[in-house]
Amino acid sequence: MAELRAAGNDPAHGGSAKEKRVASQKKRHDERVAWEAEHGSGQAERDWFVRELQPRLAGISISKIREATGFSPRYASLIRSGQYVPHPVHYRSLQWLAQTLCP
């Protein structure tokens, strides 16, 4: 892998990896657009997330958050630590996770 990267051919950023990443980004974009069309800005939901749900996620492993949402390890870590608030389209999965693992 190091030799490929040094040669300017990083398999993690081209070819099928790029295609998967683009498809995932499009899917997430479409989910957000559909959610916003139905619910609006989601500010009340975001306030609820920060107040009620995020503190419960602090005790859940990053791998479990990833399994429930499909987030990258870094993004799951930022959400768990309270450094980032995800889009409300993901709250149902995260709420289920918190209720299941931290009843």
Protein backbone atom coordinates (compact mmCIF):
# COMPACT_ATOMS: atom_id res chain seq x y z
CA MET A 1 0.00 0.00 0.00
CA ALA A 2 2.78 2.43 0.92
CA GLU A 3 4.53 1.79 -2.38
CA LEU A 4 1.30 2.38 -4.32
CA ARG A 5 0.66 5.63 -2.47
CA ALA A 6 4.23 6.77 -3.04
CA ALA A 7 3.75 6.10 -6.74
CA GLY A 8 0.60 8.24 -6.73
CA ASN A 9 -1.80 5.31 -6.99
CA ASP A 10 -3.72 5.16 -3.71
CA PRO A 11 -6.36 2.40 -3.98
CA ALA A 12 -8.31 3.92 -1.09
CA HIS A 13 -9.05 7.05 -3.13
CA GLY A 14 -9.66 5.84 -6.66
CA GLY A 15 -11.38 3.17 -8.69
CA SER A 16 -14.04 1.17 -6.87
CA ALA A 17 -13.33 2.93 -3.54
CA LYS A 18 -14.19 6.25 -5.15
CA GLU A 19 -17.34 4.79 -6.71
CA LYS A 20 -18.50 3.46 -3.32
CA ARG A 21 -17.76 6.78 -1.64
CA VAL A 22 -19.66 8.77 -4.29
CA ALA A 23 -22.66 6.41 -4.07
CA SER A 24 -22.71 6.70 -0.28
CA GLN A 25 -22.50 10.48 -0.42
CA LYS A 26 -25.35 10.66 -2.94
CA LYS A 27 -27.52 8.36 -0.83
CA ARG A 28 -26.93 10.45 2.29
CA HIS A 29 -27.61 13.67 0.38
CA ASP A 30 -30.90 12.30 -0.95
CA GLU A 31 -31.91 11.18 2.57
CA ARG A 32 -31.22 14.66 3.97
CA VAL A 33 -33.13 16.41 1.19
CA ALA A 34 -36.16 14.12 1.66
CA TRP A 35 -36.10 14.62 5.44
CA GLU A 36 -35.89 18.41 5.14
CA ALA A 37 -38.75 18.48 2.61
CA GLU A 38 -40.96 16.76 5.18
CA HIS A 39 -39.71 18.31 8.44
CA GLY A 40 -38.10 21.67 7.67
CA SER A 41 -34.84 22.87 9.20
CA GLY A 42 -34.82 20.45 12.12
CA GLN A 43 -33.60 22.95 14.71
CA ALA A 44 -35.95 21.64 17.41
CA GLU A 45 -34.74 18.12 16.70
CA ARG A 46 -31.11 19.23 16.88
CA ASP A 47 -31.75 20.91 20.23
CA TRP A 48 -33.33 17.67 21.49
CA PHE A 49 -30.36 15.66 20.23
CA VAL A 50 -27.84 17.82 22.11
CA ARG A 51 -29.92 17.85 25.29
CA GLU A 52 -31.22 14.27 25.41
CA LEU A 53 -29.54 11.87 23.02
CA GLN A 54 -25.90 12.90 22.69
CA PRO A 55 -25.12 12.41 26.40
CA ARG A 56 -26.40 8.83 26.11
CA LEU A 57 -24.18 8.15 23.10
CA ALA A 58 -21.06 9.06 25.08
CA GLY A 59 -21.07 5.58 26.64
CA ILE A 60 -21.55 3.66 23.39
CA SER A 61 -18.64 2.35 21.35
CA ILE A 62 -17.71 3.98 18.09
CA SER A 63 -18.10 0.64 16.33
CA LYS A 64 -21.72 0.35 17.50
CA ILE A 65 -22.47 3.89 16.32
CA ARG A 66 -20.89 3.02 12.97
CA GLU A 67 -22.96 -0.17 12.66
CA ALA A 68 -26.19 1.72 13.35
CA THR A 69 -25.49 4.63 11.01
CA GLY A 70 -22.82 3.75 8.47
CA PHE A 71 -20.72 6.71 9.61
CA SER A 72 -16.94 6.70 9.30
CA PRO A 73 -14.95 6.04 12.48
CA ARG A 74 -13.90 9.70 12.67
CA TYR A 75 -17.44 11.04 12.20
CA ALA A 76 -18.84 8.57 14.75
CA SER A 77 -16.15 9.69 17.19
CA LEU A 78 -16.98 13.37 16.72
CA ILE A 79 -20.66 12.70 17.30
CA ARG A 80 -20.05 10.56 20.37
CA SER A 81 -17.80 13.22 21.92
CA GLY A 82 -20.34 15.97 21.26
CA GLN A 83 -18.09 17.83 18.83
CA TYR A 84 -20.53 17.43 15.96
CA VAL A 85 -24.31 17.19 15.69
CA PRO A 86 -25.42 14.87 12.88
CA HIS A 87 -28.34 15.59 10.59
CA PRO A 88 -31.70 14.69 12.16
CA VAL A 89 -32.27 12.02 9.52
CA HIS A 90 -29.96 9.81 11.63
CA TYR A 91 -31.62 10.38 14.99
CA ARG A 92 -33.98 7.41 14.80
CA SER A 93 -31.08 4.98 14.37
CA LEU A 94 -29.08 6.65 17.12
CA GLN A 95 -32.06 6.73 19.47
CA TRP A 96 -32.69 3.03 18.89
CA LEU A 97 -29.03 2.35 19.62
CA ALA A 98 -29.10 4.34 22.87
CA GLN A 99 -32.32 2.67 24.02
CA THR A 100 -30.99 -0.78 23.19
CA LEU A 101 -27.58 -0.41 24.80
CA CYS A 102 -28.37 2.09 27.57
CA PRO A 103 -32.00 1.47 28.61
